[in-house]
Amino acid sequence: MNNSLTELELENLRHIIGGHSTIANKLEAYAQQCSDPEFKALLQRDAQSALESKQKLLNFLG
């Protein structure tokens, strides 16, 4: 059984990885502008989660 990704799967994976990166960057930027400490912490946690998801997806690229 061939475990390699097709070109379409690679393209989709790259797109999803880029989306997670964008989300993480935006959430971190929003957190830096936020004055509410609880909301700021929530945004930072979500940004970290997006980065972790991005890293997991990058593992599929080898």
PDB file of N, CA and C in Angstrom:
ATOM      1  N   MET A   1       0.839  -1.189   0.000  1.00  0.00           N
ATOM      2  CA  MET A   1       0.000   0.000   0.000  1.00  0.00           C
ATOM      3  C   MET A   1       0.882   1.251   0.000  1.00  0.00           C
ATOM      4  N   ASN A   2       0.555   2.189  -0.853  1.00  0.00           N
ATOM      5  CA  ASN A   2       1.333   3.413  -1.001  1.00  0.00           C
ATOM      6  C   ASN A   2       0.839   4.455   0.002  1.00  0.00           C
ATOM      7  N   ASN A   3       1.737   4.905   0.889  1.00  0.00           N
ATOM      8  CA  ASN A   3       1.370   5.870   1.920  1.00  0.00           C
ATOM      9  C   ASN A   3       1.715   7.305   1.547  1.00  0.00           C
ATOM     10  N   SER A   4       2.185   7.542   0.318  1.00  0.00           N
ATOM     11  CA  SER A   4       2.546   8.899  -0.075  1.00  0.00           C
ATOM     12  C   SER A   4       1.288   9.704  -0.411  1.00  0.00           C
ATOM     13  N   LEU A   5       1.406  10.991  -0.262  1.00  0.00           N
ATOM     14  CA  LEU A   5       0.288  11.891  -0.528  1.00  0.00           C
ATOM     15  C   LEU A   5       0.230  12.247  -2.009  1.00  0.00           C
ATOM     16  N   THR A   6      -0.973  12.418  -2.511  1.00  0.00           N
ATOM     17  CA  THR A   6      -1.141  12.862  -3.895  1.00  0.00           C
ATOM     18  C   THR A   6      -0.850  14.362  -3.970  1.00  0.00           C
ATOM     19  N   GLU A   7      -0.719  14.856  -5.181  1.00  0.00           N
ATOM     20  CA  GLU A   7      -0.481  16.292  -5.376  1.00  0.00           C
ATOM     21  C   GLU A   7      -1.632  17.115  -4.797  1.00  0.00           C
ATOM     22  N   LEU A   8      -2.851  16.661  -4.996  1.00  0.00           N
ATOM     23  CA  LEU A   8      -4.016  17.377  -4.464  1.00  0.00           C
ATOM     24  C   LEU A   8      -4.008  17.373  -2.940  1.00  0.00           C
ATOM     25  N   GLU A   9      -3.667  16.239  -2.350  1.00  0.00           N
ATOM     26  CA  GLU A   9      -3.592  16.163  -0.890  1.00  0.00           C
ATOM     27  C   GLU A   9      -2.501  17.086  -0.353  1.00  0.00           C
ATOM     28  N   LEU A  10      -1.361  17.129  -1.029  1.00  0.00           N
ATOM     29  CA  LEU A  10      -0.281  18.034  -0.621  1.00  0.00           C
ATOM     30  C   LEU A  10      -0.711  19.489  -0.713  1.00  0.00           C
ATOM     31  N   GLU A  11      -1.384  19.831  -1.794  1.00  0.00           N
ATOM     32  CA  GLU A  11      -1.869  21.199  -1.979  1.00  0.00           C
ATOM     33  C   GLU A  11      -2.872  21.566  -0.879  1.00  0.00           C
ATOM     34  N   ASN A  12      -3.777  20.662  -0.598  1.00  0.00           N
ATOM     35  CA  ASN A  12      -4.763  20.917   0.459  1.00  0.00           C
ATOM     36  C   ASN A  12      -4.102  21.025   1.828  1.00  0.00           C
ATOM     37  N   LEU A  13      -3.131  20.173   2.087  1.00  0.00           N
ATOM     38  CA  LEU A  13      -2.419  20.206   3.359  1.00  0.00           C
ATOM     39  C   LEU A  13      -1.661  21.517   3.530  1.00  0.00           C
ATOM     40  N   ARG A  14      -0.998  21.957   2.481  1.00  0.00           N
ATOM     41  CA  ARG A  14      -0.290  23.245   2.540  1.00  0.00           C
ATOM     42  C   ARG A  14      -1.255  24.401   2.792  1.00  0.00           C
ATOM     43  N   HIS A  15      -2.410  24.329   2.169  1.00  0.00           N
ATOM     44  CA  HIS A  15      -3.431  25.365   2.362  1.00  0.00           C
ATOM     45  C   HIS A  15      -3.913  25.390   3.816  1.00  0.00           C
ATOM     46  N   ILE A  16      -4.162  24.228   4.372  1.00  0.00           N
ATOM     47  CA  ILE A  16      -4.629  24.135   5.758  1.00  0.00           C
ATOM     48  C   ILE A  16      -3.547  24.613   6.725  1.00  0.00           C
ATOM     49  N   ILE A  17      -2.302  24.230   6.465  1.00  0.00           N
ATOM     50  CA  ILE A  17      -1.188  24.671   7.312  1.00  0.00           C
ATOM     51  C   ILE A  17      -1.065  26.189   7.277  1.00  0.00           C
ATOM     52  N   GLY A  18      -1.187  26.760   6.091  1.00  0.00           N
ATOM     53  CA  GLY A  18      -1.137  28.218   5.972  1.00  0.00           C
ATOM     54  C   GLY A  18      -2.268  28.887   6.727  1.00  0.00           C
ATOM     55  N   GLY A  19      -3.450  28.279   6.683  1.00  0.00           N
ATOM     56  CA  GLY A  19      -4.588  28.815   7.426  1.00  0.00           C
ATOM     57  C   GLY A  19      -4.350  28.812   8.926  1.00  0.00           C
ATOM     58  N   HIS A  20      -3.773  27.718   9.439  1.00  0.00           N
ATOM     59  CA  HIS A  20      -3.476  27.655  10.869  1.00  0.00           C
ATOM     60  C   HIS A  20      -2.446  28.711  11.259  1.00  0.00           C
ATOM     61  N   SER A  21      -1.484  28.922  10.391  1.00  0.00           N
ATOM     62  CA  SER A  21      -0.468  29.940  10.654  1.00  0.00           C
ATOM     63  C   SER A  21      -1.095  31.336  10.702  1.00  0.00           C
ATOM     64  N   THR A  22      -1.970  31.625   9.751  1.00  0.00           N
ATOM     65  CA  THR A  22      -2.657  32.916   9.713  1.00  0.00           C
ATOM     66  C   THR A  22      -3.511  33.115  10.955  1.00  0.00           C
ATOM     67  N   ILE A  23      -4.249  32.085  11.331  1.00  0.00           N
ATOM     68  CA  ILE A  23      -5.100  32.160  12.517  1.00  0.00           C
ATOM     69  C   ILE A  23      -4.257  32.437  13.760  1.00  0.00           C
ATOM     70  N   ALA A  24      -3.157  31.716  13.907  1.00  0.00           N
ATOM     71  CA  ALA A  24      -2.287  31.901  15.073  1.00  0.00           C
ATOM     72  C   ALA A  24      -1.753  33.327  15.130  1.00  0.00           C
ATOM     73  N   ASN A  25      -1.307  33.846  13.986  1.00  0.00           N
ATOM     74  CA  ASN A  25      -0.768  35.211  13.944  1.00  0.00           C
ATOM     75  C   ASN A  25      -1.833  36.246  14.292  1.00  0.00           C
ATOM     76  N   LYS A  26      -3.025  36.084  13.752  1.00  0.00           N
ATOM     77  CA  LYS A  26      -4.094  37.042  14.024  1.00  0.00           C
ATOM     78  C   LYS A  26      -4.531  36.992  15.481  1.00  0.00           C
ATOM     79  N   LEU A  27      -4.682  35.775  16.017  1.00  0.00           N
ATOM     80  CA  LEU A  27      -5.083  35.664  17.417  1.00  0.00           C
ATOM     81  C   LEU A  27      -4.042  36.285  18.344  1.00  0.00           C
ATOM     82  N   GLU A  28      -2.779  36.080  18.033  1.00  0.00           N
ATOM     83  CA  GLU A  28      -1.723  36.676  18.859  1.00  0.00           C
ATOM     84  C   GLU A  28      -1.749  38.199  18.755  1.00  0.00           C
ATOM     85  N   ALA A  29      -1.991  38.718  17.556  1.00  0.00           N
ATOM     86  CA  ALA A  29      -2.092  40.173  17.382  1.00  0.00           C
ATOM     87  C   ALA A  29      -3.294  40.723  18.151  1.00  0.00           C
ATOM     88  N   TYR A  30      -4.418  40.022  18.089  1.00  0.00           N
ATOM     89  CA  TYR A  30      -5.599  40.459  18.845  1.00  0.00           C
ATOM     90  C   TYR A  30      -5.319  40.423  20.345  1.00  0.00           C
ATOM     91  N   ALA A  31      -4.614  39.394  20.790  1.00  0.00           N
ATOM     92  CA  ALA A  31      -4.286  39.275  22.218  1.00  0.00           C
ATOM     93  C   ALA A  31      -3.421  40.446  22.673  1.00  0.00           C
ATOM     94  N   GLN A  32      -2.488  40.871  21.826  1.00  0.00           N
ATOM     95  CA  GLN A  32      -1.609  41.988  22.191  1.00  0.00           C
ATOM     96  C   GLN A  32      -2.374  43.298  22.335  1.00  0.00           C
ATOM     97  N   GLN A  33      -3.490  43.422  21.614  1.00  0.00           N
ATOM     98  CA  GLN A  33      -4.298  44.639  21.672  1.00  0.00           C
ATOM     99  C   GLN A  33      -5.376  44.584  22.744  1.00  0.00           C
ATOM    100  N   CYS A  34      -5.562  43.423  23.330  1.00  0.00           N
ATOM    101  CA  CYS A  34      -6.662  43.213  24.264  1.00  0.00           C
ATOM    102  C   CYS A  34      -6.300  43.715  25.661  1.00  0.00           C
ATOM    103  N   SER A  35      -7.247  44.389  26.315  1.00  0.00           N
ATOM    104  CA  SER A  35      -6.994  44.882  27.667  1.00  0.00           C
ATOM    105  C   SER A  35      -7.616  43.980  28.736  1.00  0.00           C
ATOM    106  N   ASP A  36      -8.574  43.149  28.365  1.00  0.00           N
ATOM    107  CA  ASP A  36      -9.201  42.225  29.314  1.00  0.00           C
ATOM    108  C   ASP A  36      -8.285  41.014  29.507  1.00  0.00           C
ATOM    109  N   PRO A  37      -7.782  40.802  30.728  1.00  0.00           N
ATOM    110  CA  PRO A  37      -6.808  39.727  30.950  1.00  0.00           C
ATOM    111  C   PRO A  37      -7.352  38.327  30.648  1.00  0.00           C
ATOM    112  N   GLU A  38      -8.615  38.074  30.961  1.00  0.00           N
ATOM    113  CA  GLU A  38      -9.188  36.753  30.694  1.00  0.00           C
ATOM    114  C   GLU A  38      -9.325  36.506  29.202  1.00  0.00           C
ATOM    115  N   PHE A  39      -9.804  37.514  28.487  1.00  0.00           N
ATOM    116  CA  PHE A  39      -9.963  37.380  27.042  1.00  0.00           C
ATOM    117  C   PHE A  39      -8.607  37.282  26.357  1.00  0.00           C
ATOM    118  N   LYS A  40      -7.632  38.045  26.868  1.00  0.00           N
ATOM    119  CA  LYS A  40      -6.277  37.996  26.326  1.00  0.00           C
ATOM    120  C   LYS A  40      -5.700  36.586  26.478  1.00  0.00           C
ATOM    121  N   ALA A  41      -5.894  35.979  27.649  1.00  0.00           N
ATOM    122  CA  ALA A  41      -5.397  34.625  27.897  1.00  0.00           C
ATOM    123  C   ALA A  41      -6.087  33.621  26.972  1.00  0.00           C
ATOM    124  N   LEU A  42      -7.381  33.802  26.753  1.00  0.00           N
ATOM    125  CA  LEU A  42      -8.125  32.926  25.856  1.00  0.00           C
ATOM    126  C   LEU A  42      -7.566  33.010  24.436  1.00  0.00           C
ATOM    127  N   LEU A  43      -7.325  34.227  23.966  1.00  0.00           N
ATOM    128  CA  LEU A  43      -6.774  34.422  22.625  1.00  0.00           C
ATOM    129  C   LEU A  43      -5.381  33.795  22.499  1.00  0.00           C
ATOM    130  N   GLN A  44      -4.579  33.949  23.531  1.00  0.00           N
ATOM    131  CA  GLN A  44      -3.228  33.386  23.509  1.00  0.00           C
ATOM    132  C   GLN A  44      -3.264  31.855  23.520  1.00  0.00           C
ATOM    133  N   ARG A  45      -4.175  31.272  24.287  1.00  0.00           N
ATOM    134  CA  ARG A  45      -4.326  29.813  24.300  1.00  0.00           C
ATOM    135  C   ARG A  45      -4.762  29.303  22.932  1.00  0.00           C
ATOM    136  N   ASP A  46      -5.708  30.008  22.323  1.00  0.00           N
ATOM    137  CA  ASP A  46      -6.177  29.600  20.998  1.00  0.00           C
ATOM    138  C   ASP A  46      -5.078  29.758  19.949  1.00  0.00           C
ATOM    139  N   ALA A  47      -4.273  30.795  20.067  1.00  0.00           N
ATOM    140  CA  ALA A  47      -3.147  30.985  19.148  1.00  0.00           C
ATOM    141  C   ALA A  47      -2.154  29.833  19.306  1.00  0.00           C
ATOM    142  N   GLN A  48      -1.873  29.447  20.527  1.00  0.00           N
ATOM    143  CA  GLN A  48      -0.955  28.332  20.784  1.00  0.00           C
ATOM    144  C   GLN A  48      -1.520  27.024  20.229  1.00  0.00           C
ATOM    145  N   SER A  49      -2.802  26.830  20.392  1.00  0.00           N
ATOM    146  CA  SER A  49      -3.455  25.632  19.858  1.00  0.00           C
ATOM    147  C   SER A  49      -3.339  25.572  18.331  1.00  0.00           C
ATOM    148  N   ALA A  50      -3.516  26.709  17.677  1.00  0.00           N
ATOM    149  CA  ALA A  50      -3.386  26.762  16.223  1.00  0.00           C
ATOM    150  C   ALA A  50      -1.955  26.429  15.799  1.00  0.00           C
ATOM    151  N   LEU A  51      -0.974  26.914  16.545  1.00  0.00           N
ATOM    152  CA  LEU A  51       0.421  26.607  16.234  1.00  0.00           C
ATOM    153  C   LEU A  51       0.715  25.119  16.423  1.00  0.00           C
ATOM    154  N   GLU A  52       0.147  24.534  17.465  1.00  0.00           N
ATOM    155  CA  GLU A  52       0.343  23.107  17.706  1.00  0.00           C
ATOM    156  C   GLU A  52      -0.294  22.274  16.593  1.00  0.00           C
ATOM    157  N   SER A  53      -1.469  22.677  16.157  1.00  0.00           N
ATOM    158  CA  SER A  53      -2.132  21.976  15.054  1.00  0.00           C
ATOM    159  C   SER A  53      -1.317  22.100  13.776  1.00  0.00           C
ATOM    160  N   LYS A  54      -0.777  23.285  13.544  1.00  0.00           N
ATOM    161  CA  LYS A  54       0.074  23.506  12.369  1.00  0.00           C
ATOM    162  C   LYS A  54       1.272  22.568  12.407  1.00  0.00           C
ATOM    163  N   GLN A  55       1.899  22.435  13.564  1.00  0.00           N
ATOM    164  CA  GLN A  55       3.069  21.575  13.680  1.00  0.00           C
ATOM    165  C   GLN A  55       2.719  20.110  13.437  1.00  0.00           C
ATOM    166  N   LYS A  56       1.571  19.677  13.944  1.00  0.00           N
ATOM    167  CA  LYS A  56       1.130  18.303  13.706  1.00  0.00           C
ATOM    168  C   LYS A  56       0.921  18.058  12.217  1.00  0.00           C
ATOM    169  N   LEU A  57       0.334  19.038  11.533  1.00  0.00           N
ATOM    170  CA  LEU A  57       0.109  18.906  10.099  1.00  0.00           C
ATOM    171  C   LEU A  57       1.413  18.910   9.322  1.00  0.00           C
ATOM    172  N   LEU A  58       2.389  19.698   9.778  1.00  0.00           N
ATOM    173  CA  LEU A  58       3.694  19.741   9.113  1.00  0.00           C
ATOM    174  C   LEU A  58       4.386  18.367   9.158  1.00  0.00           C
ATOM    175  N   ASN A  59       4.079  17.594  10.174  1.00  0.00           N
ATOM    176  CA  ASN A  59       4.680  16.261  10.288  1.00  0.00           C
ATOM    177  C   ASN A  59       4.282  15.357   9.118  1.00  0.00           C
ATOM    178  N   PHE A  60       3.130  15.618   8.512  1.00  0.00           N
ATOM    179  CA  PHE A  60       2.702  14.824   7.361  1.00  0.00           C
ATOM    180  C   PHE A  60       3.557  15.110   6.128  1.00  0.00           C
ATOM    181  N   LEU A  61       4.207  16.250   6.119  1.00  0.00           N
ATOM    182  CA  LEU A  61       5.053  16.603   4.977  1.00  0.00           C
ATOM    183  C   LEU A  61       6.442  15.958   5.070  1.00  0.00           C
ATOM    184  N   GLY A  62       6.711  15.376   6.223  1.00  0.00           N
ATOM    185  CA  GLY A  62       7.980  14.665   6.375  1.00  0.00           C
ATOM    186  C   GLY A  62       8.979  15.522   7.009  1.00  0.00           C
TER     187      GLY A  62
END
